[in-house]
Amino acid sequence: MPKLFAMADKLCLHRYQTTESDAYTKCRGDQSVAIARLVQGLYALSDKPAFEALYKQCLIQGPDMAAGFPDFDDALNCIVAQVPEARKIFFSDEQQ
């Protein structure tokens, strides 16, 4: 998991060019929450291969992926948009 957080740091630095900005801090927070939701939700899934295929597809479509920076928050939102039932798994801490 430390590798995922390091990738998130690189994405946010790529976008905002400094770790001192509020935008970087917000980006880093959003990415951290998304990583935690993805890791926690993965354990609750019954069809992991189907999820992994959709997850990879969503990551590839990310706005910064062409530059080699995965956006975990964007990928999570992509998954939930394509499979609305997934919201119950990945956002189980939110009130429905």
PDB file of N, CA and C in Angstrom:
ATOM      1  N   MET A   1       0.802  -1.190   0.000  1.00  0.00           N
ATOM      2  CA  MET A   1       0.000   0.000   0.000  1.00  0.00           C
ATOM      3  C   MET A   1       0.858   1.274   0.000  1.00  0.00           C
ATOM      4  N   PRO A   2       2.026   1.271   0.584  1.00  0.00           N
ATOM      5  CA  PRO A   2       2.855   2.474   0.513  1.00  0.00           C
ATOM      6  C   PRO A   2       3.152   2.898  -0.931  1.00  0.00           C
ATOM      7  N   LYS A   3       3.240   1.910  -1.818  1.00  0.00           N
ATOM      8  CA  LYS A   3       3.483   2.227  -3.229  1.00  0.00           C
ATOM      9  C   LYS A   3       2.305   3.024  -3.814  1.00  0.00           C
ATOM     10  N   LEU A   4       1.087   2.662  -3.432  1.00  0.00           N
ATOM     11  CA  LEU A   4      -0.089   3.388  -3.923  1.00  0.00           C
ATOM     12  C   LEU A   4      -0.078   4.838  -3.446  1.00  0.00           C
ATOM     13  N   PHE A   5       0.277   5.036  -2.180  1.00  0.00           N
ATOM     14  CA  PHE A   5       0.327   6.400  -1.650  1.00  0.00           C
ATOM     15  C   PHE A   5       1.441   7.205  -2.317  1.00  0.00           C
ATOM     16  N   ALA A   6       2.550   6.556  -2.623  1.00  0.00           N
ATOM     17  CA  ALA A   6       3.638   7.243  -3.330  1.00  0.00           C
ATOM     18  C   ALA A   6       3.189   7.648  -4.730  1.00  0.00           C
ATOM     19  N   MET A   7       2.424   6.784  -5.381  1.00  0.00           N
ATOM     20  CA  MET A   7       1.894   7.111  -6.708  1.00  0.00           C
ATOM     21  C   MET A   7       0.931   8.294  -6.619  1.00  0.00           C
ATOM     22  N   ALA A   8       0.125   8.329  -5.566  1.00  0.00           N
ATOM     23  CA  ALA A   8      -0.806   9.444  -5.365  1.00  0.00           C
ATOM     24  C   ALA A   8      -0.041  10.746  -5.144  1.00  0.00           C
ATOM     25  N   ASP A   9       1.039  10.679  -4.380  1.00  0.00           N
ATOM     26  CA  ASP A   9       1.877  11.869  -4.171  1.00  0.00           C
ATOM     27  C   ASP A   9       2.394  12.403  -5.500  1.00  0.00           C
ATOM     28  N   LYS A  10       2.863  11.496  -6.343  1.00  0.00           N
ATOM     29  CA  LYS A  10       3.407  11.901  -7.645  1.00  0.00           C
ATOM     30  C   LYS A  10       2.334  12.528  -8.527  1.00  0.00           C
ATOM     31  N   LEU A  11       1.124  11.960  -8.502  1.00  0.00           N
ATOM     32  CA  LEU A  11       0.021  12.527  -9.281  1.00  0.00           C
ATOM     33  C   LEU A  11      -0.263  13.956  -8.841  1.00  0.00           C
ATOM     34  N   CYS A  12      -0.401  14.153  -7.543  1.00  0.00           N
ATOM     35  CA  CYS A  12      -0.747  15.485  -7.026  1.00  0.00           C
ATOM     36  C   CYS A  12       0.379  16.482  -7.274  1.00  0.00           C
ATOM     37  N   LEU A  13       1.606  16.047  -7.163  1.00  0.00           N
ATOM     38  CA  LEU A  13       2.735  16.928  -7.451  1.00  0.00           C
ATOM     39  C   LEU A  13       2.783  17.264  -8.940  1.00  0.00           C
ATOM     40  N   HIS A  14       2.480  16.279  -9.776  1.00  0.00           N
ATOM     41  CA  HIS A  14       2.415  16.506 -11.225  1.00  0.00           C
ATOM     42  C   HIS A  14       1.366  17.567 -11.546  1.00  0.00           C
ATOM     43  N   ARG A  15       0.232  17.494 -10.897  1.00  0.00           N
ATOM     44  CA  ARG A  15      -0.856  18.436 -11.171  1.00  0.00           C
ATOM     45  C   ARG A  15      -0.586  19.837 -10.625  1.00  0.00           C
ATOM     46  N   TYR A  16      -0.029  19.918  -9.439  1.00  0.00           N
ATOM     47  CA  TYR A  16       0.032  21.211  -8.749  1.00  0.00           C
ATOM     48  C   TYR A  16       1.446  21.750  -8.548  1.00  0.00           C
ATOM     49  N   GLN A  17       2.459  20.992  -8.916  1.00  0.00           N
ATOM     50  CA  GLN A  17       3.858  21.421  -8.954  1.00  0.00           C
ATOM     51  C   GLN A  17       4.482  21.778  -7.609  1.00  0.00           C
ATOM     52  N   THR A  18       3.737  21.767  -6.546  1.00  0.00           N
ATOM     53  CA  THR A  18       4.279  22.067  -5.221  1.00  0.00           C
ATOM     54  C   THR A  18       3.458  21.343  -4.161  1.00  0.00           C
ATOM     55  N   THR A  19       4.127  20.968  -3.094  1.00  0.00           N
ATOM     56  CA  THR A  19       3.421  20.323  -1.987  1.00  0.00           C
ATOM     57  C   THR A  19       2.876  21.354  -1.005  1.00  0.00           C
ATOM     58  N   GLU A  20       3.135  22.616  -1.270  1.00  0.00           N
ATOM     59  CA  GLU A  20       2.749  23.687  -0.350  1.00  0.00           C
ATOM     60  C   GLU A  20       1.369  24.280  -0.623  1.00  0.00           C
ATOM     61  N   SER A  21       0.709  23.863  -1.679  1.00  0.00           N
ATOM     62  CA  SER A  21      -0.573  24.481  -2.037  1.00  0.00           C
ATOM     63  C   SER A  21      -1.757  23.745  -1.405  1.00  0.00           C
ATOM     64  N   ASP A  22      -2.845  24.483  -1.239  1.00  0.00           N
ATOM     65  CA  ASP A  22      -4.084  23.875  -0.748  1.00  0.00           C
ATOM     66  C   ASP A  22      -4.617  22.849  -1.740  1.00  0.00           C
ATOM     67  N   ALA A  23      -4.439  23.122  -3.026  1.00  0.00           N
ATOM     68  CA  ALA A  23      -4.909  22.199  -4.062  1.00  0.00           C
ATOM     69  C   ALA A  23      -4.175  20.861  -3.959  1.00  0.00           C
ATOM     70  N   TYR A  24      -2.868  20.900  -3.716  1.00  0.00           N
ATOM     71  CA  TYR A  24      -2.092  19.672  -3.541  1.00  0.00           C
ATOM     72  C   TYR A  24      -2.613  18.910  -2.318  1.00  0.00           C
ATOM     73  N   THR A  25      -2.817  19.615  -1.224  1.00  0.00           N
ATOM     74  CA  THR A  25      -3.288  18.985   0.005  1.00  0.00           C
ATOM     75  C   THR A  25      -4.649  18.327  -0.203  1.00  0.00           C
ATOM     76  N   LYS A  26      -5.547  19.013  -0.896  1.00  0.00           N
ATOM     77  CA  LYS A  26      -6.872  18.447  -1.185  1.00  0.00           C
ATOM     78  C   LYS A  26      -6.745  17.224  -2.088  1.00  0.00           C
ATOM     79  N   CYS A  27      -5.919  17.335  -3.121  1.00  0.00           N
ATOM     80  CA  CYS A  27      -5.685  16.210  -4.036  1.00  0.00           C
ATOM     81  C   CYS A  27      -5.170  15.007  -3.258  1.00  0.00           C
ATOM     82  N   ARG A  28      -4.194  15.226  -2.412  1.00  0.00           N
ATOM     83  CA  ARG A  28      -3.586  14.147  -1.639  1.00  0.00           C
ATOM     84  C   ARG A  28      -4.613  13.512  -0.706  1.00  0.00           C
ATOM     85  N   GLY A  29      -5.454  14.328  -0.092  1.00  0.00           N
ATOM     86  CA  GLY A  29      -6.506  13.799   0.774  1.00  0.00           C
ATOM     87  C   GLY A  29      -7.513  12.971   0.004  1.00  0.00           C
ATOM     88  N   ASP A  30      -7.943  13.482  -1.149  1.00  0.00           N
ATOM     89  CA  ASP A  30      -8.902  12.747  -1.986  1.00  0.00           C
ATOM     90  C   ASP A  30      -8.319  11.418  -2.439  1.00  0.00           C
ATOM     91  N   GLN A  31      -7.053  11.423  -2.833  1.00  0.00           N
ATOM     92  CA  GLN A  31      -6.402  10.197  -3.286  1.00  0.00           C
ATOM     93  C   GLN A  31      -6.268   9.195  -2.137  1.00  0.00           C
ATOM     94  N   SER A  32      -5.914   9.678  -0.954  1.00  0.00           N
ATOM     95  CA  SER A  32      -5.754   8.793   0.206  1.00  0.00           C
ATOM     96  C   SER A  32      -7.069   8.120   0.580  1.00  0.00           C
ATOM     97  N   VAL A  33      -8.141   8.889   0.578  1.00  0.00           N
ATOM     98  CA  VAL A  33      -9.462   8.331   0.886  1.00  0.00           C
ATOM     99  C   VAL A  33      -9.847   7.297  -0.173  1.00  0.00           C
ATOM    100  N   ALA A  34      -9.609   7.608  -1.435  1.00  0.00           N
ATOM    101  CA  ALA A  34      -9.950   6.673  -2.513  1.00  0.00           C
ATOM    102  C   ALA A  34      -9.153   5.380  -2.390  1.00  0.00           C
ATOM    103  N   ILE A  35      -7.868   5.482  -2.086  1.00  0.00           N
ATOM    104  CA  ILE A  35      -7.041   4.280  -1.921  1.00  0.00           C
ATOM    105  C   ILE A  35      -7.586   3.433  -0.774  1.00  0.00           C
ATOM    106  N   ALA A  36      -7.906   4.059   0.339  1.00  0.00           N
ATOM    107  CA  ALA A  36      -8.446   3.318   1.486  1.00  0.00           C
ATOM    108  C   ALA A  36      -9.765   2.641   1.125  1.00  0.00           C
ATOM    109  N   ARG A  37     -10.638   3.353   0.424  1.00  0.00           N
ATOM    110  CA  ARG A  37     -11.930   2.776   0.016  1.00  0.00           C
ATOM    111  C   ARG A  37     -11.717   1.591  -0.931  1.00  0.00           C
ATOM    112  N   LEU A  38     -10.803   1.744  -1.879  1.00  0.00           N
ATOM    113  CA  LEU A  38     -10.543   0.669  -2.837  1.00  0.00           C
ATOM    114  C   LEU A  38      -9.997  -0.571  -2.141  1.00  0.00           C
ATOM    115  N   VAL A  39      -9.033  -0.389  -1.265  1.00  0.00           N
ATOM    116  CA  VAL A  39      -8.432  -1.532  -0.570  1.00  0.00           C
ATOM    117  C   VAL A  39      -9.458  -2.210   0.334  1.00  0.00           C
ATOM    118  N   GLN A  40     -10.205  -1.428   1.089  1.00  0.00           N
ATOM    119  CA  GLN A  40     -11.221  -1.996   1.984  1.00  0.00           C
ATOM    120  C   GLN A  40     -12.327  -2.681   1.184  1.00  0.00           C
ATOM    121  N   GLY A  41     -12.783  -2.045   0.125  1.00  0.00           N
ATOM    122  CA  GLY A  41     -13.854  -2.605  -0.688  1.00  0.00           C
ATOM    123  C   GLY A  41     -13.460  -3.875  -1.407  1.00  0.00           C
ATOM    124  N   LEU A  42     -12.204  -3.967  -1.774  1.00  0.00           N
ATOM    125  CA  LEU A  42     -11.723  -5.144  -2.491  1.00  0.00           C
ATOM    126  C   LEU A  42     -11.962  -6.417  -1.688  1.00  0.00           C
ATOM    127  N   TYR A  43     -11.833  -6.332  -0.385  1.00  0.00           N
ATOM    128  CA  TYR A  43     -12.053  -7.504   0.468  1.00  0.00           C
ATOM    129  C   TYR A  43     -13.517  -7.923   0.508  1.00  0.00           C
ATOM    130  N   ALA A  44     -14.424  -7.005   0.229  1.00  0.00           N
ATOM    131  CA  ALA A  44     -15.857  -7.303   0.293  1.00  0.00           C
ATOM    132  C   ALA A  44     -16.417  -7.816  -1.029  1.00  0.00           C
ATOM    133  N   LEU A  45     -15.630  -7.750  -2.077  1.00  0.00           N
ATOM    134  CA  LEU A  45     -16.123  -8.147  -3.400  1.00  0.00           C
ATOM    135  C   LEU A  45     -16.114  -9.651  -3.583  1.00  0.00           C
ATOM    136  N   SER A  46     -17.129 -10.151  -4.251  1.00  0.00           N
ATOM    137  CA  SER A  46     -17.176 -11.582  -4.540  1.00  0.00           C
ATOM    138  C   SER A  46     -16.544 -11.892  -5.895  1.00  0.00           C
ATOM    139  N   ASP A  47     -16.610 -10.956  -6.831  1.00  0.00           N
ATOM    140  CA  ASP A  47     -16.076 -11.182  -8.177  1.00  0.00           C
ATOM    141  C   ASP A  47     -14.873 -10.264  -8.416  1.00  0.00           C
ATOM    142  N   LYS A  48     -13.749 -10.632  -7.811  1.00  0.00           N
ATOM    143  CA  LYS A  48     -12.554  -9.798  -7.911  1.00  0.00           C
ATOM    144  C   LYS A  48     -12.021  -9.666  -9.338  1.00  0.00           C
ATOM    145  N   PRO A  49     -12.013 -10.734 -10.151  1.00  0.00           N
ATOM    146  CA  PRO A  49     -11.512 -10.575 -11.524  1.00  0.00           C
ATOM    147  C   PRO A  49     -12.312  -9.558 -12.341  1.00  0.00           C
ATOM    148  N   ALA A  50     -13.622  -9.552 -12.194  1.00  0.00           N
ATOM    149  CA  ALA A  50     -14.444  -8.585 -12.930  1.00  0.00           C
ATOM    150  C   ALA A  50     -14.146  -7.170 -12.448  1.00  0.00           C
ATOM    151  N   PHE A  51     -13.987  -7.018 -11.132  1.00  0.00           N
ATOM    152  CA  PHE A  51     -13.649  -5.705 -10.585  1.00  0.00           C
ATOM    153  C   PHE A  51     -12.297  -5.233 -11.111  1.00  0.00           C
ATOM    154  N   GLU A  52     -11.315  -6.114 -11.087  1.00  0.00           N
ATOM    155  CA  GLU A  52      -9.967  -5.731 -11.522  1.00  0.00           C
ATOM    156  C   GLU A  52      -9.960  -5.282 -12.973  1.00  0.00           C
ATOM    157  N   ALA A  53     -10.728  -5.946 -13.822  1.00  0.00           N
ATOM    158  CA  ALA A  53     -10.799  -5.549 -15.233  1.00  0.00           C
ATOM    159  C   ALA A  53     -11.418  -4.162 -15.368  1.00  0.00           C
ATOM    160  N   LEU A  54     -12.505  -3.919 -14.662  1.00  0.00           N
ATOM    161  CA  LEU A  54     -13.156  -2.607 -14.711  1.00  0.00           C
ATOM    162  C   LEU A  54     -12.255  -1.538 -14.107  1.00  0.00           C
ATOM    163  N   TYR A  55     -11.595  -1.864 -13.010  1.00  0.00           N
ATOM    164  CA  TYR A  55     -10.694  -0.924 -12.346  1.00  0.00           C
ATOM    165  C   TYR A  55      -9.555  -0.508 -13.282  1.00  0.00           C
ATOM    166  N   LYS A  56      -8.958  -1.472 -13.950  1.00  0.00           N
ATOM    167  CA  LYS A  56      -7.872  -1.158 -14.893  1.00  0.00           C
ATOM    168  C   LYS A  56      -8.378  -0.291 -16.037  1.00  0.00           C
ATOM    169  N   GLN A  57      -9.560  -0.605 -16.529  1.00  0.00           N
ATOM    170  CA  GLN A  57     -10.153   0.196 -17.603  1.00  0.00           C
ATOM    171  C   GLN A  57     -10.371   1.634 -17.128  1.00  0.00           C
ATOM    172  N   CYS A  58     -10.879   1.790 -15.924  1.00  0.00           N
ATOM    173  CA  CYS A  58     -11.121   3.128 -15.375  1.00  0.00           C
ATOM    174  C   CYS A  58      -9.808   3.875 -15.134  1.00  0.00           C
ATOM    175  N   LEU A  59      -8.785   3.179 -14.652  1.00  0.00           N
ATOM    176  CA  LEU A  59      -7.488   3.828 -14.440  1.00  0.00           C
ATOM    177  C   LEU A  59      -6.901   4.326 -15.754  1.00  0.00           C
ATOM    178  N   ILE A  60      -6.980   3.504 -16.782  1.00  0.00           N
ATOM    179  CA  ILE A  60      -6.423   3.862 -18.091  1.00  0.00           C
ATOM    180  C   ILE A  60      -7.095   5.104 -18.651  1.00  0.00           C
ATOM    181  N   GLN A  61      -8.376   5.264 -18.367  1.00  0.00           N
ATOM    182  CA  GLN A  61      -9.120   6.415 -18.880  1.00  0.00           C
ATOM    183  C   GLN A  61      -8.857   7.690 -18.087  1.00  0.00           C
ATOM    184  N   GLY A  62      -8.116   7.596 -17.001  1.00  0.00           N
ATOM    185  CA  GLY A  62      -7.865   8.751 -16.138  1.00  0.00           C
ATOM    186  C   GLY A  62      -7.186   9.892 -16.873  1.00  0.00           C
ATOM    187  N   PRO A  63      -7.453  11.121 -16.434  1.00  0.00           N
ATOM    188  CA  PRO A  63      -6.962  12.303 -17.132  1.00  0.00           C
ATOM    189  C   PRO A  63      -5.441  12.444 -17.162  1.00  0.00           C
ATOM    190  N   ASP A  64      -4.732  11.862 -16.208  1.00  0.00           N
ATOM    191  CA  ASP A  64      -3.278  11.998 -16.157  1.00  0.00           C
ATOM    192  C   ASP A  64      -2.547  10.695 -16.463  1.00  0.00           C
ATOM    193  N   MET A  65      -3.284   9.673 -16.860  1.00  0.00           N
ATOM    194  CA  MET A  65      -2.672   8.369 -17.078  1.00  0.00           C
ATOM    195  C   MET A  65      -1.717   8.374 -18.265  1.00  0.00           C
ATOM    196  N   ALA A  66      -1.981   9.185 -19.257  1.00  0.00           N
ATOM    197  CA  ALA A  66      -1.078   9.253 -20.411  1.00  0.00           C
ATOM    198  C   ALA A  66       0.323   9.681 -19.972  1.00  0.00           C
ATOM    199  N   ALA A  67       0.391  10.471 -18.913  1.00  0.00           N
ATOM    200  CA  ALA A  67       1.682  10.906 -18.378  1.00  0.00           C
ATOM    201  C   ALA A  67       2.213   9.916 -17.333  1.00  0.00           C
ATOM    202  N   GLY A  68       1.461   8.834 -17.097  1.00  0.00           N
ATOM    203  CA  GLY A  68       1.904   7.800 -16.172  1.00  0.00           C
ATOM    204  C   GLY A  68       1.474   7.993 -14.730  1.00  0.00           C
ATOM    205  N   PHE A  69       0.450   8.821 -14.513  1.00  0.00           N
ATOM    206  CA  PHE A  69      -0.004   9.102 -13.156  1.00  0.00           C
ATOM    207  C   PHE A  69      -1.439   8.618 -12.959  1.00  0.00           C
ATOM    208  N   PRO A  70      -1.630   7.482 -12.258  1.00  0.00           N
ATOM    209  CA  PRO A  70      -2.984   6.989 -12.014  1.00  0.00           C
ATOM    210  C   PRO A  70      -3.722   7.873 -11.017  1.00  0.00           C
ATOM    211  N   ASP A  71      -5.001   8.066 -11.271  1.00  0.00           N
ATOM    212  CA  ASP A  71      -5.860   8.859 -10.386  1.00  0.00           C
ATOM    213  C   ASP A  71      -6.836   7.891  -9.728  1.00  0.00           C
ATOM    214  N   PHE A  72      -6.574   7.539  -8.483  1.00  0.00           N
ATOM    215  CA  PHE A  72      -7.386   6.548  -7.782  1.00  0.00           C
ATOM    216  C   PHE A  72      -8.792   7.060  -7.484  1.00  0.00           C
ATOM    217  N   ASP A  73      -8.905   8.338  -7.167  1.00  0.00           N
ATOM    218  CA  ASP A  73     -10.214   8.934  -6.892  1.00  0.00           C
ATOM    219  C   ASP A  73     -11.077   8.912  -8.152  1.00  0.00           C
ATOM    220  N   ASP A  74     -10.510   9.291  -9.262  1.00  0.00           N
ATOM    221  CA  ASP A  74     -11.227   9.279 -10.535  1.00  0.00           C
ATOM    222  C   ASP A  74     -11.632   7.850 -10.911  1.00  0.00           C
ATOM    223  N   ALA A  75     -10.734   6.900 -10.697  1.00  0.00           N
ATOM    224  CA  ALA A  75     -11.036   5.500 -11.020  1.00  0.00           C
ATOM    225  C   ALA A  75     -12.177   4.971 -10.155  1.00  0.00           C
ATOM    226  N   LEU A  76     -12.166   5.312  -8.875  1.00  0.00           N
ATOM    227  CA  LEU A  76     -13.244   4.867  -7.987  1.00  0.00           C
ATOM    228  C   LEU A  76     -14.580   5.452  -8.427  1.00  0.00           C
ATOM    229  N   ASN A  77     -14.595   6.719  -8.767  1.00  0.00           N
ATOM    230  CA  ASN A  77     -15.832   7.346  -9.248  1.00  0.00           C
ATOM    231  C   ASN A  77     -16.289   6.728 -10.563  1.00  0.00           C
ATOM    232  N   CYS A  78     -15.363   6.365 -11.418  1.00  0.00           N
ATOM    233  CA  CYS A  78     -15.674   5.699 -12.688  1.00  0.00           C
ATOM    234  C   CYS A  78     -16.349   4.346 -12.424  1.00  0.00           C
ATOM    235  N   ILE A  79     -15.806   3.592 -11.483  1.00  0.00           N
ATOM    236  CA  ILE A  79     -16.370   2.280 -11.147  1.00  0.00           C
ATOM    237  C   ILE A  79     -17.807   2.429 -10.653  1.00  0.00           C
ATOM    238  N   VAL A  80     -18.019   3.360  -9.742  1.00  0.00           N
ATOM    239  CA  VAL A  80     -19.351   3.566  -9.173  1.00  0.00           C
ATOM    240  C   VAL A  80     -20.325   4.070 -10.236  1.00  0.00           C
ATOM    241  N   ALA A  81     -19.843   4.871 -11.171  1.00  0.00           N
ATOM    242  CA  ALA A  81     -20.705   5.358 -12.254  1.00  0.00           C
ATOM    243  C   ALA A  81     -21.139   4.212 -13.166  1.00  0.00           C
ATOM    244  N   GLN A  82     -20.249   3.246 -13.393  1.00  0.00           N
ATOM    245  CA  GLN A  82     -20.568   2.135 -14.284  1.00  0.00           C
ATOM    246  C   GLN A  82     -21.324   1.012 -13.581  1.00  0.00           C
ATOM    247  N   VAL A  83     -21.085   0.862 -12.288  1.00  0.00           N
ATOM    248  CA  VAL A  83     -21.751  -0.186 -11.509  1.00  0.00           C
ATOM    249  C   VAL A  83     -22.285   0.464 -10.226  1.00  0.00           C
ATOM    250  N   PRO A  84     -23.468   1.074 -10.296  1.00  0.00           N
ATOM    251  CA  PRO A  84     -23.997   1.815  -9.146  1.00  0.00           C
ATOM    252  C   PRO A  84     -24.077   1.001  -7.845  1.00  0.00           C
ATOM    253  N   GLU A  85     -24.270  -0.309  -7.949  1.00  0.00           N
ATOM    254  CA  GLU A  85     -24.333  -1.140  -6.745  1.00  0.00           C
ATOM    255  C   GLU A  85     -23.007  -1.130  -5.990  1.00  0.00           C
ATOM    256  N   ALA A  86     -21.934  -0.813  -6.676  1.00  0.00           N
ATOM    257  CA  ALA A  86     -20.610  -0.785  -6.045  1.00  0.00           C
ATOM    258  C   ALA A  86     -20.509   0.307  -4.985  1.00  0.00           C
ATOM    259  N   ARG A  87     -21.359   1.316  -5.070  1.00  0.00           N
ATOM    260  CA  ARG A  87     -21.342   2.398  -4.073  1.00  0.00           C
ATOM    261  C   ARG A  87     -21.535   1.825  -2.668  1.00  0.00           C
ATOM    262  N   LYS A  88     -22.392   0.813  -2.534  1.00  0.00           N
ATOM    263  CA  LYS A  88     -22.651   0.213  -1.221  1.00  0.00           C
ATOM    264  C   LYS A  88     -21.386  -0.404  -0.633  1.00  0.00           C
ATOM    265  N   ILE A  89     -20.527  -0.907  -1.493  1.00  0.00           N
ATOM    266  CA  ILE A  89     -19.294  -1.550  -1.036  1.00  0.00           C
ATOM    267  C   ILE A  89     -18.216  -0.514  -0.738  1.00  0.00           C
ATOM    268  N   PHE A  90     -17.981   0.381  -1.679  1.00  0.00           N
ATOM    269  CA  PHE A  90     -16.858   1.307  -1.551  1.00  0.00           C
ATOM    270  C   PHE A  90     -17.161   2.539  -0.708  1.00  0.00           C
ATOM    271  N   PHE A  91     -18.436   2.829  -0.515  1.00  0.00           N
ATOM    272  CA  PHE A  91     -18.828   3.985   0.289  1.00  0.00           C
ATOM    273  C   PHE A  91     -19.718   3.541   1.444  1.00  0.00           C
ATOM    274  N   SER A  92     -19.401   2.398   2.022  1.00  0.00           N
ATOM    275  CA  SER A  92     -20.232   1.832   3.090  1.00  0.00           C
ATOM    276  C   SER A  92     -20.247   2.709   4.338  1.00  0.00           C
ATOM    277  N   ASP A  93     -19.266   3.580   4.491  1.00  0.00           N
ATOM    278  CA  ASP A  93     -19.223   4.450   5.662  1.00  0.00           C
ATOM    279  C   ASP A  93     -20.141   5.664   5.531  1.00  0.00           C
ATOM    280  N   GLU A  94     -20.621   5.934   4.326  1.00  0.00           N
ATOM    281  CA  GLU A  94     -21.536   7.054   4.117  1.00  0.00           C
ATOM    282  C   GLU A  94     -22.966   6.592   4.344  1.00  0.00           C
ATOM    283  N   GLN A  95     -23.803   7.490   4.817  1.00  0.00           N
ATOM    284  CA  GLN A  95     -25.205   7.138   4.994  1.00  0.00           C
ATOM    285  C   GLN A  95     -25.867   7.046   3.634  1.00  0.00           C
ATOM    286  N   GLN A  96     -26.654   6.039   3.470  1.00  0.00           N
ATOM    287  CA  GLN A  96     -27.331   5.820   2.185  1.00  0.00           C
ATOM    288  C   GLN A  96     -28.615   6.587   2.126  1.00  0.00           C
TER     289      GLN A  96
END
